[in-house]
């Protein structure tokens, strides 16, 4: 069953010649004919109604033809092909399995997952699988603590890549300890006695 009525705008020009009561009668008559195929008007109002009635009958015929054509196509297996050729859809669906393969990459053992996830979050959604693979390969050369330092350093400096830590970032040795080691080393070399443990009772 149809859920709409098609009324051409130019056919409504007749409303300009009708008063509100007559216009109401016309629209009620249109509804009655569309729902129950009953004609409820007579006289001049019936004459005004005829063009609307003819338009509704033509619309019904067109609707019936469309329904029958769709039914026939359904029995044949769907929409007919143009000239026997299969048309390509305007927006072809992507192969989901193919997309899954594109999003797959391997994280080897020894990778600091927390650091790597932080790096991926920093790079954002556009960070490609190829780029992630390269990042994993670079991080895998270092221990997990160093990986975390590399990621933190790059994020802190707003860098676009991961870089090896410079030597200056390493903890410097204690100068006092170095001097003590140097002193005892010299004493041993010149043979001036033994190193005796000093114990406090």
N, C-alpha and C. Protein backbone atom coordinates (compact mmCIF):
# COMPACT_ATOMS: atom_id res chain seq x y z
N UNK A 1 0.84 -1.19 0.00
CA UNK A 1 0.00 0.00 0.00
C UNK A 1 0.87 1.25 0.00
N UNK A 2 0.45 2.22 -0.82
CA UNK A 2 1.20 3.47 -0.88
C UNK A 2 1.09 4.23 0.44
N UNK A 3 2.17 4.97 0.76
CA UNK A 3 2.18 5.76 1.99
C UNK A 3 2.22 7.25 1.70
N UNK A 4 1.98 7.63 0.43
CA UNK A 4 2.03 9.05 0.08
C UNK A 4 1.08 9.36 -1.08
N UNK A 5 0.75 10.62 -1.24
CA UNK A 5 -0.09 11.10 -2.34
C UNK A 5 0.69 12.18 -3.07
N UNK A 6 0.77 12.07 -4.38
CA UNK A 6 1.46 13.08 -5.18
C UNK A 6 0.44 14.10 -5.69
N UNK A 7 0.64 15.34 -5.31
CA UNK A 7 -0.22 16.44 -5.76
C UNK A 7 0.67 17.51 -6.37
N UNK A 8 0.42 17.86 -7.63
CA UNK A 8 1.22 18.87 -8.29
C UNK A 8 0.85 20.26 -7.76
N UNK A 9 1.87 21.08 -7.54
CA UNK A 9 1.65 22.40 -6.95
C UNK A 9 0.73 23.26 -7.81
N UNK A 10 0.89 23.20 -9.14
CA UNK A 10 0.05 24.05 -10.00
C UNK A 10 -1.43 23.67 -9.95
N UNK A 11 -1.71 22.40 -9.56
CA UNK A 11 -3.11 22.00 -9.45
C UNK A 11 -3.79 22.62 -8.23
N UNK A 12 -2.98 23.12 -7.29
CA UNK A 12 -3.53 23.74 -6.09
C UNK A 12 -3.93 25.21 -6.31
N UNK A 13 -3.68 25.70 -7.51
CA UNK A 13 -4.09 27.09 -7.80
C UNK A 13 -5.60 27.27 -7.65
N UNK A 14 -6.33 26.16 -7.79
CA UNK A 14 -7.78 26.23 -7.66
C UNK A 14 -8.21 26.67 -6.26
N UNK A 15 -7.34 26.49 -5.27
CA UNK A 15 -7.67 26.88 -3.90
C UNK A 15 -7.90 28.39 -3.78
N UNK A 16 -7.30 29.14 -4.68
CA UNK A 16 -7.47 30.60 -4.63
C UNK A 16 -8.91 31.01 -4.92
N UNK A 17 -9.66 30.14 -5.60
CA UNK A 17 -11.06 30.44 -5.95
C UNK A 17 -12.05 29.85 -4.95
N UNK A 18 -11.56 29.10 -3.98
CA UNK A 18 -12.44 28.44 -3.02
C UNK A 18 -12.35 29.13 -1.66
N UNK A 19 -13.45 29.07 -0.89
CA UNK A 19 -13.37 29.55 0.49
C UNK A 19 -12.81 28.43 1.35
N UNK A 20 -12.58 28.70 2.62
CA UNK A 20 -11.95 27.71 3.51
C UNK A 20 -12.77 26.43 3.62
N UNK A 21 -14.08 26.55 3.68
CA UNK A 21 -14.94 25.36 3.81
C UNK A 21 -14.83 24.48 2.57
N UNK A 22 -14.87 25.10 1.39
CA UNK A 22 -14.77 24.34 0.16
C UNK A 22 -13.39 23.68 0.02
N UNK A 23 -12.34 24.41 0.42
CA UNK A 23 -10.98 23.85 0.37
C UNK A 23 -10.88 22.64 1.29
N UNK A 24 -11.48 22.73 2.48
CA UNK A 24 -11.48 21.60 3.40
C UNK A 24 -12.21 20.41 2.82
N UNK A 25 -13.35 20.66 2.17
CA UNK A 25 -14.12 19.58 1.55
C UNK A 25 -13.31 18.90 0.45
N UNK A 26 -12.55 19.70 -0.31
CA UNK A 26 -11.73 19.15 -1.40
C UNK A 26 -10.67 18.20 -0.85
N UNK A 27 -9.97 18.62 0.20
CA UNK A 27 -8.91 17.77 0.75
C UNK A 27 -9.48 16.52 1.42
N UNK A 28 -10.63 16.63 2.05
CA UNK A 28 -11.27 15.43 2.62
C UNK A 28 -11.68 14.47 1.51
N UNK A 29 -12.13 15.02 0.39
CA UNK A 29 -12.52 14.18 -0.75
C UNK A 29 -11.31 13.46 -1.34
N UNK A 30 -10.18 14.18 -1.40
CA UNK A 30 -8.93 13.56 -1.91
C UNK A 30 -8.53 12.40 -1.01
N UNK A 31 -8.61 12.60 0.28
CA UNK A 31 -8.27 11.52 1.23
C UNK A 31 -9.22 10.35 1.10
N UNK A 32 -10.51 10.61 1.02
CA UNK A 32 -11.50 9.54 0.92
C UNK A 32 -11.29 8.71 -0.34
N UNK A 33 -10.97 9.36 -1.44
CA UNK A 33 -10.77 8.62 -2.69
C UNK A 33 -9.46 7.82 -2.64
N UNK A 34 -8.44 8.39 -2.06
CA UNK A 34 -7.15 7.69 -1.99
C UNK A 34 -7.23 6.47 -1.09
N UNK A 35 -7.98 6.56 0.02
CA UNK A 35 -8.06 5.46 0.98
C UNK A 35 -9.11 4.43 0.58
N UNK A 36 -10.32 4.89 0.25
CA UNK A 36 -11.44 3.95 0.01
C UNK A 36 -11.99 3.99 -1.41
N UNK A 37 -11.46 4.82 -2.29
CA UNK A 37 -11.94 4.98 -3.66
C UNK A 37 -13.40 5.44 -3.69
N UNK A 38 -13.75 6.28 -2.75
CA UNK A 38 -15.12 6.82 -2.69
C UNK A 38 -15.13 8.27 -3.14
N UNK A 39 -16.17 8.61 -3.94
CA UNK A 39 -16.37 10.00 -4.35
C UNK A 39 -17.46 10.59 -3.48
N UNK A 40 -17.12 11.63 -2.73
CA UNK A 40 -18.05 12.19 -1.74
C UNK A 40 -18.57 13.58 -2.12
N UNK A 41 -18.14 14.09 -3.27
CA UNK A 41 -18.55 15.44 -3.68
C UNK A 41 -19.57 15.39 -4.81
N UNK A 42 -20.29 16.49 -4.96
CA UNK A 42 -21.22 16.60 -6.08
C UNK A 42 -21.24 18.04 -6.57
N UNK A 43 -21.93 18.26 -7.66
CA UNK A 43 -22.05 19.60 -8.21
C UNK A 43 -20.72 20.18 -8.66
N UNK A 44 -20.54 21.48 -8.41
CA UNK A 44 -19.33 22.19 -8.82
C UNK A 44 -18.09 21.62 -8.15
N UNK A 45 -18.19 21.22 -6.89
CA UNK A 45 -17.05 20.67 -6.16
C UNK A 45 -16.57 19.37 -6.79
N UNK A 46 -17.52 18.58 -7.36
CA UNK A 46 -17.15 17.33 -8.01
C UNK A 46 -16.33 17.62 -9.27
N UNK A 47 -16.72 18.69 -9.98
CA UNK A 47 -15.99 19.08 -11.19
C UNK A 47 -14.57 19.53 -10.85
N UNK A 48 -14.43 20.23 -9.73
CA UNK A 48 -13.11 20.66 -9.28
C UNK A 48 -12.27 19.47 -8.85
N UNK A 49 -12.95 18.43 -8.32
CA UNK A 49 -12.25 17.25 -7.82
C UNK A 49 -11.70 16.37 -8.94
N UNK A 50 -12.33 16.38 -10.12
CA UNK A 50 -11.97 15.46 -11.20
C UNK A 50 -10.48 15.48 -11.57
N UNK A 51 -9.84 16.65 -11.76
CA UNK A 51 -8.41 16.63 -12.10
C UNK A 51 -7.55 15.94 -11.03
N UNK A 52 -7.90 16.13 -9.76
CA UNK A 52 -7.17 15.46 -8.67
C UNK A 52 -7.38 13.96 -8.74
N UNK A 53 -8.62 13.56 -9.03
CA UNK A 53 -8.95 12.13 -9.16
C UNK A 53 -8.14 11.50 -10.29
N UNK A 54 -8.08 12.16 -11.44
CA UNK A 54 -7.33 11.63 -12.58
C UNK A 54 -5.83 11.50 -12.26
N UNK A 55 -5.31 12.49 -11.56
CA UNK A 55 -3.90 12.46 -11.17
C UNK A 55 -3.62 11.28 -10.23
N UNK A 56 -4.53 11.04 -9.26
CA UNK A 56 -4.35 9.92 -8.32
C UNK A 56 -4.42 8.58 -9.03
N UNK A 57 -5.30 8.46 -10.04
CA UNK A 57 -5.41 7.21 -10.79
C UNK A 57 -4.14 6.94 -11.59
N UNK A 58 -3.59 7.99 -12.21
CA UNK A 58 -2.33 7.82 -12.94
C UNK A 58 -1.19 7.41 -11.99
N UNK A 59 -1.16 8.02 -10.82
CA UNK A 59 -0.13 7.67 -9.83
C UNK A 59 -0.28 6.23 -9.38
N UNK A 60 -1.52 5.78 -9.20
CA UNK A 60 -1.78 4.38 -8.80
C UNK A 60 -1.29 3.42 -9.87
N UNK A 61 -1.55 3.76 -11.14
CA UNK A 61 -1.12 2.89 -12.24
C UNK A 61 0.41 2.79 -12.29
N UNK A 62 1.07 3.93 -12.13
CA UNK A 62 2.54 3.94 -12.14
C UNK A 62 3.10 3.14 -10.97
N UNK A 63 2.48 3.28 -9.80
CA UNK A 63 2.93 2.54 -8.62
C UNK A 63 2.76 1.04 -8.82
N UNK A 64 1.61 0.64 -9.41
CA UNK A 64 1.35 -0.78 -9.66
C UNK A 64 2.37 -1.35 -10.64
N UNK A 65 2.70 -0.59 -11.69
CA UNK A 65 3.71 -1.06 -12.66
C UNK A 65 5.07 -1.25 -12.00
N UNK A 66 5.43 -0.31 -11.12
CA UNK A 66 6.72 -0.41 -10.43
C UNK A 66 6.77 -1.64 -9.52
N UNK A 67 5.67 -1.88 -8.80
CA UNK A 67 5.61 -3.04 -7.90
C UNK A 67 5.73 -4.33 -8.69
N UNK A 68 5.02 -4.43 -9.80
CA UNK A 68 5.06 -5.64 -10.63
C UNK A 68 6.44 -5.86 -11.22
N UNK A 69 7.08 -4.78 -11.68
CA UNK A 69 8.42 -4.90 -12.25
C UNK A 69 9.41 -5.38 -11.20
N UNK A 70 9.31 -4.83 -10.00
CA UNK A 70 10.21 -5.25 -8.92
C UNK A 70 9.98 -6.70 -8.54
N UNK A 71 8.73 -7.10 -8.54
CA UNK A 71 8.40 -8.49 -8.22
C UNK A 71 8.98 -9.43 -9.26
N UNK A 72 8.83 -9.06 -10.54
CA UNK A 72 9.36 -9.90 -11.63
C UNK A 72 10.88 -10.00 -11.56
N UNK A 73 11.53 -8.86 -11.28
CA UNK A 73 12.99 -8.87 -11.17
C UNK A 73 13.46 -9.71 -9.99
N UNK A 74 12.69 -9.69 -8.91
CA UNK A 74 13.03 -10.51 -7.75
C UNK A 74 12.97 -11.99 -8.07
N UNK A 75 11.97 -12.39 -8.85
CA UNK A 75 11.85 -13.81 -9.25
C UNK A 75 12.98 -14.22 -10.19
N UNK A 76 13.52 -13.25 -10.93
CA UNK A 76 14.61 -13.56 -11.86
C UNK A 76 15.98 -13.54 -11.17
N UNK A 77 16.01 -13.11 -9.95
CA UNK A 77 17.28 -13.10 -9.23
C UNK A 77 17.83 -11.71 -8.97
N UNK A 78 16.98 -10.71 -9.06
CA UNK A 78 17.44 -9.36 -8.73
C UNK A 78 17.34 -8.40 -9.87
N UNK A 79 17.99 -7.28 -9.70
CA UNK A 79 17.94 -6.21 -10.69
C UNK A 79 18.60 -6.66 -12.00
N UNK A 80 17.97 -6.37 -13.15
CA UNK A 80 18.56 -6.79 -14.42
C UNK A 80 19.87 -6.07 -14.70
N UNK A 81 20.79 -6.77 -15.37
CA UNK A 81 22.08 -6.18 -15.71
C UNK A 81 21.96 -5.38 -17.00
N UNK A 82 22.66 -4.26 -17.07
CA UNK A 82 22.63 -3.43 -18.27
C UNK A 82 23.46 -4.07 -19.37
N UNK A 83 22.82 -4.42 -20.49
CA UNK A 83 23.48 -5.03 -21.65
C UNK A 83 24.28 -6.27 -21.27
N UNK A 84 23.81 -7.00 -20.27
CA UNK A 84 24.48 -8.22 -19.87
C UNK A 84 25.77 -8.00 -19.10
N UNK A 85 26.11 -6.74 -18.82
CA UNK A 85 27.34 -6.43 -18.10
C UNK A 85 27.02 -6.07 -16.66
N UNK A 86 27.84 -6.50 -15.77
CA UNK A 86 27.66 -6.18 -14.36
C UNK A 86 28.19 -4.79 -14.09
N UNK A 87 27.34 -3.95 -13.55
CA UNK A 87 27.75 -2.59 -13.24
C UNK A 87 28.52 -2.54 -11.92
N UNK A 88 29.51 -1.69 -11.89
CA UNK A 88 30.26 -1.50 -10.65
C UNK A 88 29.50 -0.54 -9.76
N UNK A 89 29.36 -0.84 -8.50
CA UNK A 89 28.69 0.09 -7.59
C UNK A 89 29.49 1.37 -7.44
N UNK A 90 28.79 2.47 -7.16
CA UNK A 90 29.47 3.76 -7.00
C UNK A 90 30.42 3.76 -5.82
N UNK A 91 30.03 3.07 -4.75
CA UNK A 91 30.85 3.00 -3.54
C UNK A 91 31.09 1.53 -3.19
N UNK A 92 32.02 0.88 -3.88
CA UNK A 92 32.25 -0.54 -3.60
C UNK A 92 32.71 -0.77 -2.17
N UNK A 93 32.22 -1.85 -1.57
CA UNK A 93 32.62 -2.17 -0.20
C UNK A 93 34.04 -2.71 -0.20
N UNK A 94 34.80 -2.34 0.78
CA UNK A 94 36.17 -2.81 0.89
C UNK A 94 36.20 -4.22 1.43
N UNK A 95 37.22 -4.95 1.02
CA UNK A 95 37.42 -6.30 1.52
C UNK A 95 37.92 -6.22 2.96
N UNK A 96 37.07 -6.66 3.90
CA UNK A 96 37.41 -6.52 5.32
C UNK A 96 38.67 -7.30 5.68
N UNK A 97 38.81 -8.52 5.11
CA UNK A 97 39.99 -9.32 5.42
C UNK A 97 41.25 -8.64 4.92
N UNK A 98 41.14 -8.00 3.74
CA UNK A 98 42.29 -7.31 3.19
C UNK A 98 42.72 -6.16 4.08
N UNK A 99 41.72 -5.43 4.60
CA UNK A 99 42.01 -4.33 5.51
C UNK A 99 42.63 -4.82 6.80
N UNK A 100 42.19 -6.01 7.25
CA UNK A 100 42.77 -6.57 8.47
C UNK A 100 44.26 -6.81 8.29
N UNK A 101 44.64 -7.35 7.10
CA UNK A 101 46.05 -7.62 6.84
C UNK A 101 46.86 -6.35 6.86
N UNK A 102 46.25 -5.25 6.38
CA UNK A 102 46.96 -3.97 6.34
C UNK A 102 47.24 -3.47 7.75
N UNK A 103 46.38 -3.80 8.71
CA UNK A 103 46.53 -3.31 10.08
C UNK A 103 47.33 -4.24 10.96
N UNK A 104 47.94 -5.28 10.38
CA UNK A 104 48.66 -6.28 11.17
C UNK A 104 50.16 -6.03 11.14
N UNK A 105 50.76 -6.06 12.30
CA UNK A 105 52.20 -5.97 12.40
C UNK A 105 52.63 -6.78 13.62
N UNK A 106 53.88 -7.24 13.63
CA UNK A 106 54.36 -8.14 14.67
C UNK A 106 55.24 -7.37 15.65
N UNK A 107 54.96 -7.56 16.95
CA UNK A 107 55.80 -6.95 17.98
C UNK A 107 56.67 -8.05 18.58
N UNK A 108 57.97 -8.00 18.35
CA UNK A 108 58.86 -9.05 18.85
C UNK A 108 59.05 -8.98 20.36
N UNK A 109 59.61 -10.05 20.91
CA UNK A 109 59.91 -10.07 22.34
C UNK A 109 60.97 -9.01 22.66
N UNK A 110 60.89 -8.48 23.87
CA UNK A 110 61.87 -7.49 24.29
C UNK A 110 61.45 -6.06 24.03
N UNK A 111 60.24 -5.89 23.46
CA UNK A 111 59.75 -4.53 23.22
C UNK A 111 58.99 -4.04 24.46
N UNK A 112 59.27 -2.84 24.87
CA UNK A 112 58.57 -2.22 25.98
C UNK A 112 57.19 -1.77 25.46
N UNK A 113 56.17 -2.60 25.71
CA UNK A 113 54.83 -2.36 25.17
C UNK A 113 54.27 -1.02 25.63
N UNK A 114 54.50 -0.69 26.90
CA UNK A 114 54.00 0.59 27.43
C UNK A 114 54.61 1.77 26.67
N UNK A 115 55.90 1.70 26.42
CA UNK A 115 56.58 2.77 25.70
C UNK A 115 56.09 2.83 24.25
N UNK A 116 55.96 1.66 23.63
CA UNK A 116 55.52 1.61 22.23
C UNK A 116 54.09 2.14 22.07
N UNK A 117 53.19 1.77 22.99
CA UNK A 117 51.82 2.28 22.95
C UNK A 117 51.78 3.79 23.12
N UNK A 118 52.62 4.29 24.02
CA UNK A 118 52.69 5.74 24.24
C UNK A 118 53.14 6.45 22.97
N UNK A 119 54.10 5.83 22.27
CA UNK A 119 54.61 6.42 21.03
C UNK A 119 53.52 6.43 19.95
N UNK A 120 52.77 5.32 19.83
CA UNK A 120 51.69 5.23 18.83
C UNK A 120 50.58 6.24 19.14
N UNK A 121 50.25 6.41 20.42
CA UNK A 121 49.24 7.40 20.82
C UNK A 121 49.71 8.81 20.45
N UNK A 122 50.99 9.06 20.67
CA UNK A 122 51.57 10.38 20.36
C UNK A 122 51.51 10.66 18.86
N UNK A 123 51.75 9.62 18.04
CA UNK A 123 51.77 9.80 16.59
C UNK A 123 50.36 9.94 16.02
N UNK A 124 49.36 9.36 16.70
CA UNK A 124 47.98 9.55 16.26
C UNK A 124 47.48 8.47 15.31
N UNK A 125 46.22 8.62 14.88
CA UNK A 125 45.54 7.61 14.06
C UNK A 125 46.17 7.44 12.68
N UNK A 126 46.83 8.45 12.17
CA UNK A 126 47.40 8.37 10.83
C UNK A 126 48.75 7.66 10.80
N UNK A 127 49.20 7.20 11.95
CA UNK A 127 50.49 6.50 12.03
C UNK A 127 50.34 5.15 11.32
N UNK A 128 51.00 5.00 10.19
CA UNK A 128 50.80 3.81 9.35
C UNK A 128 51.43 2.56 9.94
N UNK A 129 50.98 1.41 9.43
CA UNK A 129 51.53 0.12 9.88
C UNK A 129 53.02 0.03 9.52
N UNK A 130 53.37 0.53 8.36
CA UNK A 130 54.78 0.50 7.94
C UNK A 130 55.64 1.30 8.92
N UNK A 131 55.14 2.48 9.32
CA UNK A 131 55.88 3.32 10.26
C UNK A 131 56.00 2.64 11.62
N UNK A 132 54.93 1.97 12.06
CA UNK A 132 54.97 1.25 13.34
C UNK A 132 56.00 0.13 13.29
N UNK A 133 56.06 -0.57 12.16
CA UNK A 133 57.02 -1.66 12.01
C UNK A 133 58.45 -1.14 12.09
N UNK A 134 58.69 0.00 11.45
CA UNK A 134 60.03 0.60 11.50
C UNK A 134 60.39 1.04 12.92
N UNK A 135 59.39 1.58 13.64
CA UNK A 135 59.63 2.02 15.01
C UNK A 135 59.97 0.83 15.91
N UNK A 136 59.23 -0.27 15.74
CA UNK A 136 59.49 -1.48 16.52
C UNK A 136 60.90 -2.00 16.24
N UNK A 137 61.28 -1.99 14.97
CA UNK A 137 62.61 -2.47 14.57
C UNK A 137 63.71 -1.64 15.23
N UNK A 138 63.50 -0.32 15.29
CA UNK A 138 64.50 0.56 15.91
C UNK A 138 64.57 0.33 17.42
N UNK A 139 63.40 0.23 18.07
CA UNK A 139 63.39 0.05 19.52
C UNK A 139 63.99 -1.29 19.94
N UNK A 140 63.82 -2.32 19.10
CA UNK A 140 64.28 -3.67 19.44
C UNK A 140 65.80 -3.76 19.64
N UNK A 141 66.53 -2.74 19.20
CA UNK A 141 67.99 -2.75 19.35
C UNK A 141 68.44 -2.42 20.78
N UNK A 142 67.49 -1.95 21.61
CA UNK A 142 67.84 -1.48 22.95
C UNK A 142 67.04 -2.22 24.02
N UNK A 143 67.51 -2.11 25.26
CA UNK A 143 66.76 -2.72 26.36
C UNK A 143 65.52 -1.88 26.65
N UNK A 144 64.60 -2.44 27.45
CA UNK A 144 63.30 -1.80 27.66
C UNK A 144 63.41 -0.44 28.35
N UNK A 145 64.35 -0.30 29.26
CA UNK A 145 64.52 0.98 29.94
C UNK A 145 64.97 2.07 28.95
N UNK A 146 65.90 1.69 28.07
CA UNK A 146 66.38 2.64 27.06
C UNK A 146 65.26 2.99 26.09
N UNK A 147 64.44 1.99 25.74
CA UNK A 147 63.31 2.25 24.85
C UNK A 147 62.39 3.30 25.45
N UNK A 148 62.12 3.17 26.76
CA UNK A 148 61.24 4.13 27.42
C UNK A 148 61.86 5.54 27.39
N UNK A 149 63.17 5.61 27.62
CA UNK A 149 63.85 6.90 27.60
C UNK A 149 63.80 7.53 26.21
N UNK A 150 63.97 6.69 25.18
CA UNK A 150 63.93 7.20 23.80
C UNK A 150 62.56 7.77 23.47
N UNK A 151 61.51 7.04 23.85
CA UNK A 151 60.14 7.49 23.58
C UNK A 151 59.84 8.77 24.35
N UNK A 152 60.18 8.77 25.65
CA UNK A 152 59.93 9.96 26.47
C UNK A 152 60.67 11.18 25.92
N UNK A 153 61.90 10.96 25.49
CA UNK A 153 62.72 12.05 24.97
C UNK A 153 62.13 12.63 23.69
N UNK A 154 61.65 11.74 22.80
CA UNK A 154 61.08 12.20 21.53
C UNK A 154 59.77 12.94 21.75
N UNK A 155 58.94 12.42 22.65
CA UNK A 155 57.65 13.08 22.92
C UNK A 155 57.88 14.43 23.59
N UNK A 156 58.81 14.46 24.57
CA UNK A 156 59.10 15.69 25.31
C UNK A 156 59.60 16.80 24.38
N UNK A 157 60.36 16.42 23.36
CA UNK A 157 60.93 17.40 22.43
C UNK A 157 60.10 17.59 21.17
N UNK A 158 58.91 16.93 21.14
CA UNK A 158 58.00 17.02 19.98
C UNK A 158 58.68 16.59 18.69
N UNK A 159 59.47 15.54 18.77
CA UNK A 159 60.16 15.04 17.58
C UNK A 159 59.23 14.10 16.81
N UNK A 160 59.50 13.97 15.53
CA UNK A 160 58.67 13.11 14.69
C UNK A 160 59.18 11.67 14.63
N UNK A 161 60.40 11.44 15.14
CA UNK A 161 60.97 10.11 15.10
C UNK A 161 61.64 9.72 16.41
N UNK A 162 62.12 8.47 16.44
CA UNK A 162 62.81 7.95 17.62
C UNK A 162 64.31 7.98 17.36
N UNK A 163 65.08 8.49 18.33
CA UNK A 163 66.51 8.65 18.12
C UNK A 163 67.30 8.05 19.28
N UNK A 164 68.52 7.61 18.95
CA UNK A 164 69.41 7.03 19.95
C UNK A 164 69.78 8.10 20.97
N UNK A 165 69.86 7.69 22.24
CA UNK A 165 70.22 8.63 23.30
C UNK A 165 71.68 9.05 23.16
N UNK A 166 71.96 10.33 23.40
CA UNK A 166 73.33 10.82 23.31
C UNK A 166 74.11 10.43 24.56
N UNK A 167 75.43 10.38 24.43
CA UNK A 167 76.30 9.99 25.54
C UNK A 167 76.13 10.92 26.74
N UNK A 168 75.82 12.20 26.48
CA UNK A 168 75.72 13.15 27.57
C UNK A 168 74.54 12.87 28.48
N UNK A 169 73.61 12.05 28.00
CA UNK A 169 72.46 11.72 28.83
C UNK A 169 72.79 10.64 29.85
N UNK A 170 73.93 9.96 29.66
CA UNK A 170 74.30 8.90 30.59
C UNK A 170 74.79 9.51 31.90
N UNK A 171 74.65 8.79 32.98
CA UNK A 171 75.05 9.27 34.30
C UNK A 171 76.57 9.39 34.37
N UNK A 172 77.04 10.57 34.76
CA UNK A 172 78.47 10.77 34.86
C UNK A 172 79.02 10.09 36.10
N UNK A 173 80.28 9.62 36.04
CA UNK A 173 80.88 8.94 37.18
C UNK A 173 81.23 9.94 38.27
N UNK A 174 81.32 9.47 39.50
CA UNK A 174 81.62 10.31 40.65
C UNK A 174 83.11 10.67 40.64
N UNK A 175 83.43 11.98 40.59
CA UNK A 175 84.83 12.41 40.49
C UNK A 175 85.65 12.01 41.73
N UNK A 176 85.05 12.05 42.92
CA UNK A 176 85.76 11.69 44.15
C UNK A 176 86.15 10.21 44.11
N UNK A 177 85.22 9.38 43.69
CA UNK A 177 85.52 7.94 43.60
C UNK A 177 86.63 7.68 42.61
N UNK A 178 86.63 8.42 41.50
CA UNK A 178 87.68 8.25 40.51
C UNK A 178 89.06 8.59 41.09
N UNK A 179 89.13 9.63 41.89
CA UNK A 179 90.42 10.04 42.50
C UNK A 179 90.91 9.01 43.51
N UNK A 180 89.98 8.43 44.32
CA UNK A 180 90.36 7.40 45.28
C UNK A 180 90.90 6.18 44.57
N UNK A 181 90.20 5.78 43.49
CA UNK A 181 90.67 4.62 42.71
C UNK A 181 92.04 4.87 42.12
N UNK A 182 92.25 6.09 41.68
CA UNK A 182 93.54 6.44 41.08
C UNK A 182 94.65 6.39 42.13
N UNK A 183 94.37 6.86 43.37
CA UNK A 183 95.36 6.88 44.45
C UNK A 183 95.78 5.45 44.82
N UNK A 184 94.81 4.57 45.07
CA UNK A 184 95.14 3.19 45.45
C UNK A 184 95.84 2.45 44.33
N UNK A 185 95.48 2.79 43.11
CA UNK A 185 96.12 2.13 41.98
C UNK A 185 97.61 2.47 41.95
N UNK A 186 97.93 3.73 42.23
CA UNK A 186 99.34 4.15 42.24
C UNK A 186 100.09 3.49 43.39
N UNK A 187 99.43 3.39 44.59
CA UNK A 187 100.08 2.77 45.74
C UNK A 187 100.43 1.31 45.47
N UNK A 188 99.53 0.62 44.81
CA UNK A 188 99.78 -0.80 44.51
C UNK A 188 100.92 -0.92 43.51
N UNK A 189 100.95 -0.01 42.54
CA UNK A 189 101.97 -0.08 41.50
C UNK A 189 103.38 0.11 42.08
N UNK A 190 103.55 0.97 43.09
CA UNK A 190 104.90 1.22 43.62
C UNK A 190 105.23 0.30 44.80
N UNK A 191 104.31 -0.62 45.12
CA UNK A 191 104.60 -1.63 46.13
C UNK A 191 104.68 -1.12 47.52
N UNK A 192 103.86 -0.18 47.94
CA UNK A 192 103.95 0.41 49.28
C UNK A 192 102.94 -0.22 50.21
N UNK A 193 102.93 -1.46 50.29
CA UNK A 193 102.10 -2.10 51.30
C UNK A 193 100.82 -2.70 50.76
N UNK A 194 100.13 -3.28 51.69
CA UNK A 194 98.89 -3.96 51.34
C UNK A 194 97.70 -3.13 51.76
N UNK A 195 96.54 -3.45 51.19
CA UNK A 195 95.29 -2.80 51.57
C UNK A 195 94.70 -3.62 52.71
N UNK A 196 94.59 -2.97 53.87
CA UNK A 196 94.10 -3.68 55.04
C UNK A 196 92.70 -3.26 55.35
N UNK A 197 91.85 -4.25 55.61
CA UNK A 197 90.47 -3.92 55.97
C UNK A 197 90.43 -3.27 57.34
N UNK A 198 89.78 -2.18 57.44
CA UNK A 198 89.63 -1.50 58.72
C UNK A 198 88.29 -1.89 59.28
N UNK A 199 88.33 -2.53 60.42
CA UNK A 199 87.08 -2.97 61.02
C UNK A 199 86.86 -2.24 62.34
N UNK A 200 85.66 -1.82 62.55
CA UNK A 200 85.30 -1.12 63.78
C UNK A 200 84.56 -2.10 64.68
N UNK A 201 85.17 -2.33 65.89
CA UNK A 201 84.53 -3.25 66.84
C UNK A 201 83.42 -2.54 67.60
